Amino acid sequence: MRSHAAAIAWEFRQRHRWGLMALAISLLVLATIKPLILGPGQRVDFDEESFALVVVVPLTATFLYLLAVFSFGLSGDLVARQSMYPPRMFTLPVTTAALAGWPMLYGTAAMALLWLATRLFAVWPSGVDIPIVWPALLAASLLAWTQALTWMPYPLPGLRVIVTVLWLAVIDAVVLLALHFKASEPVMLAILAPHVPLAYLTARFAVARARRGDVPDWMWSGAHFGRRGADVLPRWRGRFPSPGRAQAWFEWRRHGRSLPALVAILLPFELALLFVFRDTPEIVFEILVGVLLTPPFMAAFVAATVSRSNPHAGDSHGLTPFIATRPLTSASLIAAKLKATIWSTVAAWLLVIVALPVALSLSGTSPLVIEWTRHLVEAAGTPRAIAIVLVGFTGLLASTWKQLVSSLYIGMSGREWVVKASLFVALSLLAIIVPLAHWVIGNRVVMAALWNALPWIAAVLVSFKLSAAVWIAMRLHDSRLVSDRMLVIGAASWDVAVLALYGLLVWLLPALLFRSYLLALVAILEVPLARLSAAPLALAWNRHR
């Protein structure tokens, strides 16, 4: 029993040691800072917004990181039918109960320690009755059900997302309802206590099915699939004039449909809220913002899947021998992935563009949107209003695509520590920058100094970006991964994009507030260059090691 527990604990410690170590250090720093700011028993006056940014946002980021770690969400495909439990662990000489139980136990302990540290070390506003135990039990329940439902094999792609989101939403709704009626601590514990053992039984059943390879399929029978494959494959043989076209089709079939599938799953539930809150303009506005942010938000979840070639084959390094030995250059492999991400982005936004007007019309909320549009036209003028809408939509479209490709060079590097370190750095920056930004906005002196220094900060960032781009271009030229013609075309296309964005910003924004050179620096920073260009180098580094 001890050896089993130690082996599974070693799995988490070895694969996530830097992230867990950094988390422990951040909690230690938090415990050290609080006594320096406040005296014994002293409280600080926080409004709700300040408390949310300083405490809730870092706590949520840490919770999401632990959720991904203990549910093995960093190494699986969320929309696939197969279980997200790592297949390599099925070969361990341990029982199914141990495979399901120990990760859940470690996750529960981590959530309890997270809440204990937050309760003891965070700066809480005065007059707030801080709960004792039930938030830790809520976090453990959400983690346990996430583990159970993501480890379960499903008969349809994307069904895992539907089941998990709906069930976790039900748990959150019950908790919010209990808080609305001011339930006491014992009542909250009674509501949440049964969830962890029930989730454990579900997780044990899920791991048992996955361990014996039981993956149901409701799409079609084997005989029908054989006939369909025999009919389809001959037609596809004549449609691939080059290996690059074939690889692009393969990438679309493997990963390109993930983002449209997730958006198609979540969109009906989000748009259904328009029918519920049609008489509340503020909530309607928030729902519309949530709908428009859904594609870029979900793109962040599928980005890791896009950067891998075959996650179901146990490939955690972004490249399998099956892909590496294909008659394609590293640049062609990257180009195929980029094409698949473009198709995926366009397909996801087509769903939003088609579904949103229909939902607004049927729910009777379209007059609100028309009224908001009229106010925008009156304030900015018709040409600028059209430009603002087009820029906003283009920004969301570009943000979705950028989320899909931002981790491409990291995933293609083949170094697992690089992938996990990048994720942890992103979560750490979220936990640090948001409270820091809130403090800066509330301090007029610091805000004025930062505004005066903004051009210099942008200039330094531009220098780093251009220096990295020049170094990458030299490496691409020396290694012959990309032809000189492609390098020139890429540089010219980037220049055109920067100039177009700069001209648009100069036209939209008043010159009294923003100097033209500052807008030029912003345009340079916003158009992707260095990280995207580094993808062929990262792939070649992995492919030939």
Protein backbone atom coordinates (compact mmCIF):
# COMPACT_ATOMS: atom_id res chain seq x y z
CA MET A 1 0.00 0.00 0.00
CA ARG A 2 2.77 2.43 0.90
CA SER A 3 4.70 1.63 -2.26
CA HIS A 4 1.59 2.26 -4.38
CA ALA A 5 0.97 5.61 -2.73
CA ALA A 6 4.64 6.57 -3.04
CA ALA A 7 4.72 5.61 -6.73
CA ILE A 8 1.72 7.75 -7.63
CA ALA A 9 2.98 10.59 -5.45
CA TRP A 10 6.31 10.38 -7.28
CA GLU A 11 4.38 10.71 -10.56
CA PHE A 12 2.95 14.08 -9.51
CA ARG A 13 6.14 15.26 -7.81
CA GLN A 14 8.37 14.38 -10.73
CA ARG A 15 6.19 15.82 -13.48
CA HIS A 16 5.02 18.96 -11.66
CA ARG A 17 7.79 19.55 -9.13
CA TRP A 18 8.64 23.05 -10.35
CA GLY A 19 5.04 24.20 -10.41
CA LEU A 20 4.26 22.79 -6.98
CA MET A 21 7.51 24.17 -5.60
CA ALA A 22 6.72 27.64 -6.97
CA LEU A 23 3.23 27.41 -5.50
CA ALA A 24 4.67 26.54 -2.08
CA ILE A 25 7.13 29.46 -2.32
CA SER A 26 4.33 31.89 -3.25
CA LEU A 27 2.29 30.78 -0.22
CA LEU A 28 5.37 31.20 1.98
CA VAL A 29 5.90 34.71 0.63
CA LEU A 30 2.23 35.49 1.24
CA ALA A 31 2.54 34.26 4.82
CA THR A 32 5.56 36.50 5.32
CA ILE A 33 4.05 39.64 3.77
CA LYS A 34 0.78 39.69 5.73
CA PRO A 35 2.36 40.20 9.20
CA LEU A 36 4.43 43.04 7.76
CA ILE A 37 1.34 44.87 6.47
CA LEU A 38 -1.16 44.19 9.24
CA GLY A 39 -0.84 43.90 12.95
CA PRO A 40 -2.35 41.07 15.01
CA GLY A 41 -6.12 40.97 14.55
CA GLN A 42 -6.11 44.02 12.25
CA ARG A 43 -8.33 44.03 9.14
CA VAL A 44 -8.23 46.16 6.00
CA ASP A 45 -11.15 47.90 4.29
CA PHE A 46 -11.65 46.32 0.85
CA ASP A 47 -14.48 46.87 -1.54
CA GLU A 48 -15.84 43.86 -3.42
CA GLU A 49 -13.91 44.63 -6.61
CA SER A 50 -10.60 45.01 -4.79
CA PHE A 51 -11.10 41.81 -2.83
CA ALA A 52 -11.99 39.93 -6.02
CA LEU A 53 -8.83 41.09 -7.80
CA VAL A 54 -6.43 40.67 -4.89
CA VAL A 55 -7.71 37.38 -3.42
CA VAL A 56 -10.25 35.69 -5.68
CA VAL A 57 -8.30 35.92 -8.97
CA PRO A 58 -5.02 34.44 -7.61
CA LEU A 59 -7.01 31.80 -5.72
CA THR A 60 -8.93 30.87 -8.88
CA ALA A 61 -5.73 30.67 -10.96
CA THR A 62 -4.12 28.38 -8.39
CA PHE A 63 -7.27 26.25 -8.19
CA LEU A 64 -7.31 25.82 -11.97
CA TYR A 65 -3.65 24.82 -11.97
CA LEU A 66 -4.21 22.18 -9.29
CA LEU A 67 -7.33 21.03 -11.13
CA ALA A 68 -5.28 20.47 -14.30
CA VAL A 69 -2.48 18.73 -12.41
CA PHE A 70 -4.51 16.20 -10.43
CA SER A 71 -7.02 15.43 -13.19
CA PHE A 72 -4.15 14.82 -15.69
CA GLY A 73 -5.65 17.57 -17.81
CA LEU A 74 -2.23 18.69 -19.05
CA SER A 75 -1.64 15.44 -20.95
CA GLY A 76 -5.03 14.51 -22.42
CA ASP A 77 -7.49 15.50 -25.13
CA LEU A 78 -10.59 17.06 -23.64
CA VAL A 79 -12.87 16.41 -26.62
CA ALA A 80 -11.73 12.87 -27.45
CA ARG A 81 -13.73 9.74 -26.63
CA GLN A 82 -10.82 8.09 -24.83
CA SER A 83 -10.22 8.52 -21.12
CA MET A 84 -7.87 11.33 -20.09
CA TYR A 85 -6.24 9.04 -17.51
CA PRO A 86 -2.62 8.45 -18.69
CA PRO A 87 -2.39 5.00 -20.36
CA ARG A 88 1.16 4.55 -19.04
CA MET A 89 -0.21 4.23 -15.50
CA PHE A 90 -2.50 1.33 -16.41
CA THR A 91 0.57 -0.93 -16.52
CA LEU A 92 1.46 -0.29 -12.88
CA PRO A 93 1.05 -3.35 -10.63
CA VAL A 94 -1.66 -1.69 -8.55
CA THR A 95 -5.39 -2.12 -8.24
CA THR A 96 -7.90 0.04 -10.06
CA ALA A 97 -9.07 1.38 -6.69
CA ALA A 98 -5.54 2.64 -6.01
CA LEU A 99 -5.21 4.20 -9.46
CA ALA A 100 -8.40 6.17 -8.87
CA GLY A 101 -8.09 6.74 -5.14
CA TRP A 102 -4.59 8.07 -4.64
CA PRO A 103 -4.77 10.92 -7.18
CA MET A 104 -8.12 11.92 -5.71
CA LEU A 105 -6.71 11.80 -2.18
CA TYR A 106 -3.69 13.90 -3.11
CA GLY A 107 -5.91 16.36 -4.95
CA THR A 108 -8.28 16.66 -1.99
CA ALA A 109 -5.35 17.30 0.34
CA ALA A 110 -3.97 19.95 -2.02
CA MET A 111 -7.34 21.74 -2.15
CA ALA A 112 -7.63 21.65 1.64
CA LEU A 113 -4.13 23.11 2.04
CA LEU A 114 -4.92 25.79 -0.55
CA TRP A 115 -8.00 26.93 1.34
CA LEU A 116 -6.22 26.75 4.70
CA ALA A 117 -3.35 28.89 3.40
CA THR A 118 -5.78 31.36 1.81
CA ARG A 119 -7.83 31.64 4.99
CA LEU A 120 -4.79 32.17 7.19
CA PHE A 121 -2.53 34.28 4.99
CA ALA A 122 -4.77 36.27 2.64
CA VAL A 123 -5.77 39.84 3.48
CA TRP A 124 -9.52 39.70 4.15
CA PRO A 125 -11.83 42.73 4.32
CA SER A 126 -13.25 43.76 7.64
CA GLY A 127 -16.77 42.67 8.51
CA VAL A 128 -16.60 39.45 6.48
CA ASP A 129 -17.57 36.19 8.15
CA ILE A 130 -14.88 33.88 6.79
CA PRO A 131 -16.06 30.26 6.36
CA ILE A 132 -14.10 27.55 8.14
CA VAL A 133 -14.28 24.26 6.21
CA TRP A 134 -16.91 24.20 3.47
CA PRO A 135 -14.91 26.10 0.76
CA ALA A 136 -12.21 23.44 1.02
CA LEU A 137 -14.85 20.74 0.69
CA LEU A 138 -16.38 22.55 -2.30
CA ALA A 139 -13.00 22.71 -4.04
CA ALA A 140 -12.37 19.04 -3.29
CA SER A 141 -15.82 18.12 -4.63
CA LEU A 142 -15.29 20.04 -7.87
CA LEU A 143 -11.88 18.43 -8.31
CA ALA A 144 -13.18 14.93 -7.53
CA TRP A 145 -16.03 15.19 -10.03
CA THR A 146 -13.70 16.69 -12.63
CA GLN A 147 -11.38 13.71 -12.17
CA ALA A 148 -14.21 11.19 -12.37
CA LEU A 149 -15.89 12.70 -15.41
CA THR A 150 -12.71 13.36 -17.39
CA TRP A 151 -11.34 9.86 -16.72
CA MET A 152 -14.53 8.32 -18.10
CA PRO A 153 -14.50 7.09 -21.75
CA TYR A 154 -17.40 8.48 -23.80
CA PRO A 155 -19.24 7.24 -26.90
CA LEU A 156 -19.15 10.60 -28.74
CA PRO A 157 -16.42 13.23 -29.19
CA GLY A 158 -17.10 16.31 -27.08
CA LEU A 159 -19.60 14.55 -24.80
CA ARG A 160 -17.07 14.78 -21.96
CA VAL A 161 -17.26 18.59 -22.08
CA ILE A 162 -21.07 18.59 -21.99
CA VAL A 163 -21.34 16.18 -19.05
CA THR A 164 -18.57 17.81 -17.03
CA VAL A 165 -19.75 21.39 -17.55
CA LEU A 166 -23.38 20.57 -16.81
CA TRP A 167 -22.64 18.58 -13.66
CA LEU A 168 -20.21 21.13 -12.23
CA ALA A 169 -22.72 23.88 -13.05
CA VAL A 170 -25.37 21.98 -11.08
CA ILE A 171 -23.07 21.75 -8.06
CA ASP A 172 -22.26 25.48 -8.28
CA ALA A 173 -25.95 26.34 -8.63
CA VAL A 174 -26.84 24.34 -5.51
CA VAL A 175 -24.07 26.04 -3.53
CA LEU A 176 -25.07 29.52 -4.73
CA LEU A 177 -28.69 28.81 -3.86
CA ALA A 178 -27.70 27.70 -0.36
CA LEU A 179 -25.62 30.86 0.08
CA HIS A 180 -28.54 32.96 -1.13
CA PHE A 181 -30.65 31.56 1.68
CA LYS A 182 -27.75 32.11 4.14
CA ALA A 183 -27.14 28.46 4.93
CA SER A 184 -24.96 27.81 7.97
CA GLU A 185 -21.63 25.98 7.98
CA PRO A 186 -23.12 22.60 9.06
CA VAL A 187 -25.75 22.81 6.30
CA MET A 188 -23.08 23.53 3.69
CA LEU A 189 -21.04 20.59 4.93
CA ALA A 190 -24.10 18.33 4.75
CA ILE A 191 -24.71 19.41 1.15
CA LEU A 192 -21.11 18.91 0.02
CA ALA A 193 -19.98 15.91 2.09
CA PRO A 194 -21.55 13.15 -0.07
CA HIS A 195 -19.92 14.41 -3.27
CA VAL A 196 -16.37 13.19 -2.69
CA PRO A 197 -17.24 9.51 -1.98
CA LEU A 198 -19.76 9.44 -4.84
CA ALA A 199 -17.14 10.93 -7.16
CA TYR A 200 -14.65 8.30 -6.01
CA LEU A 201 -17.03 5.46 -6.91
CA THR A 202 -17.62 7.04 -10.31
CA ALA A 203 -13.89 7.51 -10.84
CA ARG A 204 -13.18 3.88 -9.93
CA PHE A 205 -15.74 2.73 -12.47
CA ALA A 206 -14.30 5.11 -15.09
CA VAL A 207 -10.70 3.97 -14.57
CA ALA A 208 -11.77 0.32 -14.68
CA ARG A 209 -13.44 0.84 -18.07
CA ALA A 210 -10.51 2.78 -19.44
CA ARG A 211 -7.99 0.24 -18.11
CA ARG A 212 -9.59 -2.61 -20.03
CA GLY A 213 -9.86 -0.49 -23.17
CA ASP A 214 -13.63 -0.17 -23.14
CA VAL A 215 -14.34 2.90 -25.29
CA PRO A 216 -17.94 2.92 -26.59
CA ASP A 217 -18.69 4.30 -30.04
CA TRP A 218 -22.13 5.57 -31.05
CA MET A 219 -21.02 7.13 -34.32
CA TRP A 220 -21.44 4.05 -36.52
CA SER A 221 -20.94 0.31 -36.47
CA GLY A 222 -17.73 -1.30 -37.58
CA ALA A 223 -19.27 -2.71 -40.75
CA HIS A 224 -20.70 0.66 -41.75
CA PHE A 225 -17.36 2.31 -41.00
CA GLY A 226 -15.59 -0.22 -43.20
CA ARG A 227 -17.91 0.42 -46.12
CA ARG A 228 -17.70 4.19 -45.58
CA GLY A 229 -13.93 4.09 -45.41
CA ALA A 230 -13.73 2.00 -48.56
CA ASP A 231 -15.92 4.54 -50.36
CA VAL A 232 -14.17 7.64 -49.06
CA LEU A 233 -10.49 6.75 -49.22
CA PRO A 234 -10.30 6.27 -53.00
CA ARG A 235 -11.87 9.68 -53.55
CA TRP A 236 -9.31 11.34 -51.24
CA ARG A 237 -6.35 9.82 -53.04
CA GLY A 238 -6.81 12.16 -55.98
CA ARG A 239 -7.33 15.27 -53.84
CA PHE A 240 -3.85 15.55 -52.37
CA PRO A 241 -1.54 17.08 -54.97
CA SER A 242 1.24 17.41 -52.37
CA PRO A 243 2.27 15.92 -49.01
CA GLY A 244 1.57 19.32 -47.43
CA ARG A 245 -2.09 19.16 -48.48
CA ALA A 246 -2.38 15.65 -47.06
CA GLN A 247 -0.80 16.75 -43.77
CA ALA A 248 -3.15 19.74 -43.53
CA TRP A 249 -6.15 17.43 -43.99
CA PHE A 250 -4.72 15.11 -41.34
CA GLU A 251 -4.24 17.96 -38.86
CA TRP A 252 -7.81 19.13 -39.44
CA ARG A 253 -9.17 15.63 -38.85
CA ARG A 254 -7.08 15.17 -35.71
CA HIS A 255 -7.34 18.57 -34.06
CA GLY A 256 -9.11 21.14 -36.22
CA ARG A 257 -12.62 20.12 -35.23
CA SER A 258 -11.96 20.42 -31.48
CA LEU A 259 -12.58 24.17 -31.19
CA PRO A 260 -15.77 24.25 -33.33
CA ALA A 261 -17.06 21.27 -31.37
CA LEU A 262 -16.48 22.98 -28.02
CA VAL A 263 -18.07 26.21 -29.23
CA ALA A 264 -21.06 24.30 -30.63
CA ILE A 265 -21.48 22.57 -27.28
CA LEU A 266 -21.33 25.70 -25.10
CA LEU A 267 -23.08 28.16 -27.40
CA PRO A 268 -26.67 26.86 -26.95
CA PHE A 269 -26.38 27.03 -23.16
CA GLU A 270 -25.02 30.58 -23.27
CA LEU A 271 -27.61 31.82 -25.76
CA ALA A 272 -30.40 30.18 -23.74
CA LEU A 273 -29.65 32.71 -20.98
CA LEU A 274 -30.91 35.48 -23.30
CA PHE A 275 -34.41 34.03 -23.00
CA VAL A 276 -34.14 33.98 -19.19
CA PHE A 277 -32.74 37.52 -18.69
CA ARG A 278 -34.31 39.30 -21.66
CA ASP A 279 -35.71 42.02 -19.38
CA THR A 280 -32.35 42.84 -17.74
CA PRO A 281 -30.14 44.85 -20.14
CA GLU A 282 -27.03 44.62 -17.94
CA ILE A 283 -27.14 40.83 -17.84
CA VAL A 284 -27.91 40.67 -21.57
CA PHE A 285 -24.78 42.72 -22.21
CA GLU A 286 -22.70 40.39 -20.03
CA ILE A 287 -24.11 37.35 -21.84
CA LEU A 288 -23.19 38.82 -25.22
CA VAL A 289 -19.68 39.57 -24.00
CA GLY A 290 -19.39 35.99 -22.73
CA VAL A 291 -20.57 34.61 -26.08
CA LEU A 292 -18.03 36.71 -27.99
CA LEU A 293 -15.23 35.64 -25.64
CA THR A 294 -16.11 31.95 -25.84
CA PRO A 295 -14.04 31.09 -28.98
CA PRO A 296 -10.76 32.69 -27.75
CA PHE A 297 -11.32 31.31 -24.25
CA MET A 298 -11.95 27.75 -25.47
CA ALA A 299 -9.07 28.06 -27.94
CA ALA A 300 -6.72 28.24 -24.97
CA PHE A 301 -7.94 24.78 -23.87
CA VAL A 302 -7.39 23.12 -27.23
CA ALA A 303 -4.06 24.87 -27.93
CA ALA A 304 -2.07 22.11 -26.24
CA THR A 305 -3.89 19.49 -28.33
CA VAL A 306 -3.15 21.40 -31.53
CA SER A 307 0.55 21.53 -30.68
CA ARG A 308 0.73 17.75 -30.31
CA SER A 309 0.64 15.31 -33.18
CA ASN A 310 -0.81 12.24 -31.53
CA PRO A 311 -1.87 12.62 -27.91
CA HIS A 312 -3.65 9.28 -27.82
CA ALA A 313 -0.46 7.44 -28.61
CA GLY A 314 1.04 8.62 -25.36
CA ASP A 315 3.05 11.32 -27.08
CA SER A 316 3.77 14.04 -24.59
CA HIS A 317 6.59 15.52 -26.62
CA GLY A 318 4.66 16.86 -29.59
CA LEU A 319 6.02 14.51 -32.28
CA THR A 320 5.77 10.80 -33.02
CA PRO A 321 8.03 8.80 -35.32
CA PHE A 322 4.99 8.38 -37.59
CA ILE A 323 4.96 12.14 -38.15
CA ALA A 324 8.71 12.78 -38.00
CA THR A 325 9.50 10.37 -40.86
CA ARG A 326 6.99 11.83 -43.31
CA PRO A 327 8.33 13.33 -46.56
CA LEU A 328 7.83 16.88 -45.32
CA THR A 329 10.13 19.62 -44.16
CA SER A 330 9.69 21.06 -40.68
CA ALA A 331 8.33 24.27 -42.21
CA SER A 332 5.74 22.28 -44.18
CA LEU A 333 4.60 20.48 -41.03
CA ILE A 334 4.18 23.82 -39.25
CA ALA A 335 2.35 25.28 -42.26
CA ALA A 336 -0.09 22.35 -42.18
CA LYS A 337 -0.83 23.01 -38.52
CA LEU A 338 -1.32 26.72 -39.20
CA LYS A 339 -3.80 25.95 -41.98
CA ALA A 340 -5.74 23.68 -39.66
CA THR A 341 -5.87 26.40 -36.99
CA ILE A 342 -7.15 28.93 -39.55
CA TRP A 343 -9.91 26.54 -40.66
CA SER A 344 -10.75 25.81 -37.01
CA THR A 345 -10.97 29.53 -36.15
CA VAL A 346 -13.18 30.33 -39.13
CA ALA A 347 -15.50 27.37 -38.43
CA ALA A 348 -15.89 28.35 -34.75
CA TRP A 349 -16.73 31.97 -35.56
CA LEU A 350 -19.14 31.00 -38.32
CA LEU A 351 -21.14 29.17 -35.65
CA VAL A 352 -21.21 32.34 -33.51
CA ILE A 353 -22.08 34.61 -36.46
CA VAL A 354 -24.98 32.37 -37.50
CA ALA A 355 -26.36 31.52 -34.05
CA LEU A 356 -26.12 34.93 -32.35
CA PRO A 357 -28.51 36.91 -34.61
CA VAL A 358 -31.02 34.05 -34.52
CA ALA A 359 -30.94 33.94 -30.71
CA LEU A 360 -31.24 37.73 -30.43
CA SER A 361 -34.25 37.74 -32.74
CA LEU A 362 -36.06 34.83 -31.08
CA SER A 363 -35.39 36.07 -27.54
CA GLY A 364 -36.58 39.59 -28.31
CA THR A 365 -33.28 41.18 -27.22
CA SER A 366 -32.31 42.49 -30.66
CA PRO A 367 -33.82 45.97 -29.91
CA LEU A 368 -31.30 46.34 -27.07
CA VAL A 369 -28.40 45.63 -29.40
CA ILE A 370 -29.82 48.03 -31.99
CA GLU A 371 -30.12 50.73 -29.31
CA TRP A 372 -26.52 50.21 -28.17
CA THR A 373 -25.38 50.42 -31.80
CA ARG A 374 -27.27 53.68 -32.26
CA HIS A 375 -25.56 55.18 -29.19
CA LEU A 376 -22.17 54.13 -30.59
CA VAL A 377 -22.94 55.77 -33.95
CA GLU A 378 -24.02 58.99 -32.23
CA ALA A 379 -20.88 59.10 -30.09
CA ALA A 380 -18.25 58.16 -32.70
CA GLY A 381 -19.88 58.77 -36.06
CA THR A 382 -20.89 56.18 -38.62
CA PRO A 383 -17.45 55.55 -40.22
CA ARG A 384 -15.66 55.22 -36.91
CA ALA A 385 -18.48 53.13 -35.42
CA ILE A 386 -18.19 50.69 -38.33
CA ALA A 387 -14.42 50.67 -37.94
CA ILE A 388 -14.68 50.02 -34.18
CA VAL A 389 -17.02 47.07 -34.75
CA LEU A 390 -14.78 45.65 -37.48
CA VAL A 391 -11.65 46.12 -35.38
CA GLY A 392 -13.31 44.46 -32.40
CA PHE A 393 -14.46 41.50 -34.45
CA THR A 394 -11.08 41.19 -36.18
CA GLY A 395 -9.37 41.35 -32.80
CA LEU A 396 -11.51 38.55 -31.42
CA LEU A 397 -10.90 36.48 -34.55
CA ALA A 398 -7.15 37.10 -34.36
CA SER A 399 -7.13 36.41 -30.63
CA THR A 400 -8.79 33.04 -31.21
CA TRP A 401 -6.23 32.09 -33.84
CA LYS A 402 -3.38 33.44 -31.71
CA GLN A 403 -4.49 31.29 -28.78
CA LEU A 404 -4.37 28.22 -31.00
CA VAL A 405 -0.88 28.91 -32.31
CA SER A 406 0.74 30.70 -29.35
CA SER A 407 1.86 27.40 -27.79
CA LEU A 408 2.90 25.90 -31.12
CA TYR A 409 6.60 26.59 -30.73
CA ILE A 410 6.47 25.39 -27.11
CA GLY A 411 4.66 22.14 -27.83
CA MET A 412 6.82 21.40 -30.87
CA SER A 413 10.01 21.73 -28.83
CA GLY A 414 9.47 18.23 -27.43
CA ARG A 415 10.57 19.30 -23.95
CA GLU A 416 7.84 18.53 -21.45
CA TRP A 417 9.36 20.81 -18.83
CA VAL A 418 9.13 23.74 -21.28
CA VAL A 419 5.41 23.07 -21.89
CA LYS A 420 4.56 22.83 -18.19
CA ALA A 421 6.79 25.76 -17.26
CA SER A 422 5.04 27.98 -19.82
CA LEU A 423 1.63 27.05 -18.40
CA PHE A 424 2.75 27.75 -14.86
CA VAL A 425 4.33 31.06 -15.84
CA ALA A 426 1.07 32.10 -17.52
CA LEU A 427 -0.95 31.26 -14.39
CA SER A 428 1.62 32.96 -12.16
CA LEU A 429 1.53 36.13 -14.24
CA LEU A 430 -2.27 36.09 -14.03
CA ALA A 431 -2.11 35.77 -10.25
CA ILE A 432 0.50 38.54 -9.93
CA ILE A 433 -0.36 41.04 -12.66
CA VAL A 434 -4.09 41.37 -11.92
CA PRO A 435 -3.67 42.44 -8.24
CA LEU A 436 -0.67 44.59 -9.22
CA ALA A 437 -2.67 46.30 -11.97
CA HIS A 438 -5.52 46.94 -9.53
CA TRP A 439 -3.08 48.54 -7.08
CA VAL A 440 -1.53 50.68 -9.83
CA ILE A 441 -4.93 51.91 -11.05
CA GLY A 442 -5.86 52.93 -7.51
CA ASN A 443 -2.63 54.90 -6.97
CA ARG A 444 -2.63 58.17 -8.92
CA VAL A 445 1.08 58.85 -8.43
CA VAL A 446 2.10 55.43 -9.71
CA MET A 447 -0.45 55.65 -12.51
CA ALA A 448 0.96 59.00 -13.68
CA ALA A 449 4.53 57.71 -13.53
CA LEU A 450 3.55 54.57 -15.45
CA TRP A 451 1.73 56.64 -18.10
CA ASN A 452 4.80 58.83 -18.59
CA ALA A 453 7.03 55.76 -18.81
CA LEU A 454 4.68 53.87 -21.15
CA PRO A 455 6.55 54.81 -24.37
CA TRP A 456 9.85 53.67 -22.86
CA ILE A 457 8.31 50.40 -21.67
CA ALA A 458 6.82 49.79 -25.12
CA ALA A 459 10.17 50.64 -26.74
CA VAL A 460 12.01 48.12 -24.56
CA LEU A 461 9.46 45.41 -25.36
CA VAL A 462 9.71 46.20 -29.07
CA SER A 463 13.51 45.95 -28.86
CA PHE A 464 13.28 42.52 -27.28
CA LYS A 465 10.73 41.37 -29.84
CA LEU A 466 12.67 42.60 -32.87
CA SER A 467 15.96 41.25 -31.48
CA ALA A 468 14.39 37.83 -31.00
CA ALA A 469 12.88 37.97 -34.49
CA VAL A 470 16.26 38.83 -36.06
CA TRP A 471 17.97 36.01 -34.18
CA ILE A 472 15.26 33.55 -35.25
CA ALA A 473 15.47 34.72 -38.87
CA MET A 474 19.24 34.18 -38.85
CA ARG A 475 18.80 30.70 -37.43
CA LEU A 476 16.15 29.88 -40.02
CA HIS A 477 18.43 31.12 -42.80
CA ASP A 478 21.49 29.23 -41.53
CA SER A 479 19.59 25.98 -40.98
CA ARG A 480 17.79 26.24 -44.35
CA LEU A 481 14.49 25.38 -42.68
CA VAL A 482 12.80 28.23 -44.57
CA SER A 483 13.85 29.52 -47.98
CA ASP A 484 15.11 33.08 -48.40
CA ARG A 485 12.07 33.85 -50.54
CA MET A 486 9.71 32.80 -47.76
CA LEU A 487 11.65 34.85 -45.22
CA VAL A 488 11.35 37.95 -47.41
CA ILE A 489 7.64 37.34 -48.07
CA GLY A 490 6.99 36.79 -44.37
CA ALA A 491 8.84 39.97 -43.39
CA ALA A 492 7.00 41.99 -46.04
CA SER A 493 3.61 40.61 -44.94
CA TRP A 494 4.39 41.46 -41.32
CA ASP A 495 5.38 45.00 -42.31
CA VAL A 496 2.12 45.46 -44.22
CA ALA A 497 0.09 44.20 -41.25
CA VAL A 498 1.89 46.54 -38.84
CA LEU A 499 1.44 49.56 -41.12
CA ALA A 500 -2.25 48.78 -41.63
CA LEU A 501 -2.84 48.46 -37.89
CA TYR A 502 -0.86 51.64 -37.22
CA GLY A 503 -2.87 53.63 -39.75
CA LEU A 504 -6.12 52.36 -38.28
CA LEU A 505 -5.06 53.27 -34.73
CA VAL A 506 -4.01 56.77 -35.83
CA TRP A 507 -7.40 57.28 -37.45
CA LEU A 508 -9.44 55.92 -34.54
CA LEU A 509 -7.61 57.31 -31.50
CA PRO A 510 -7.22 61.04 -30.73
CA ALA A 511 -3.72 62.47 -31.13
CA LEU A 512 -4.07 64.42 -27.85
CA LEU A 513 -4.07 61.21 -25.82
CA PHE A 514 -1.81 58.94 -27.86
CA ARG A 515 1.30 60.03 -29.71
CA SER A 516 1.87 58.55 -33.14
CA TYR A 517 5.13 56.86 -32.12
CA LEU A 518 3.37 55.14 -29.22
CA LEU A 519 0.71 53.79 -31.58
CA ALA A 520 3.48 52.53 -33.87
CA LEU A 521 5.06 50.64 -30.96
CA VAL A 522 1.67 49.18 -30.02
CA ALA A 523 1.13 48.01 -33.61
CA ILE A 524 4.53 46.30 -33.63
CA LEU A 525 3.79 44.53 -30.35
CA GLU A 526 0.33 43.36 -31.39
CA VAL A 527 1.22 41.66 -34.69
CA PRO A 528 2.70 38.16 -34.00
CA LEU A 529 6.27 37.64 -35.21
CA ALA A 530 8.94 36.02 -33.01
CA ARG A 531 7.03 33.17 -31.38
CA LEU A 532 5.33 32.14 -34.59
CA SER A 533 8.63 32.19 -36.49
CA ALA A 534 10.25 30.03 -33.80
CA ALA A 535 7.91 27.08 -34.47
CA PRO A 536 10.03 25.55 -37.32
CA LEU A 537 13.14 25.80 -35.14
CA ALA A 538 11.39 24.12 -32.23
CA LEU A 539 10.07 21.34 -34.44
CA ALA A 540 13.47 20.75 -36.03
CA TRP A 541 15.05 20.68 -32.55
CA ASN A 542 12.60 17.95 -31.57
CA ARG A 543 12.56 16.10 -34.88
CA HIS A 544 16.30 15.53 -35.14
CA ARG A 545 17.29 15.00 -31.53
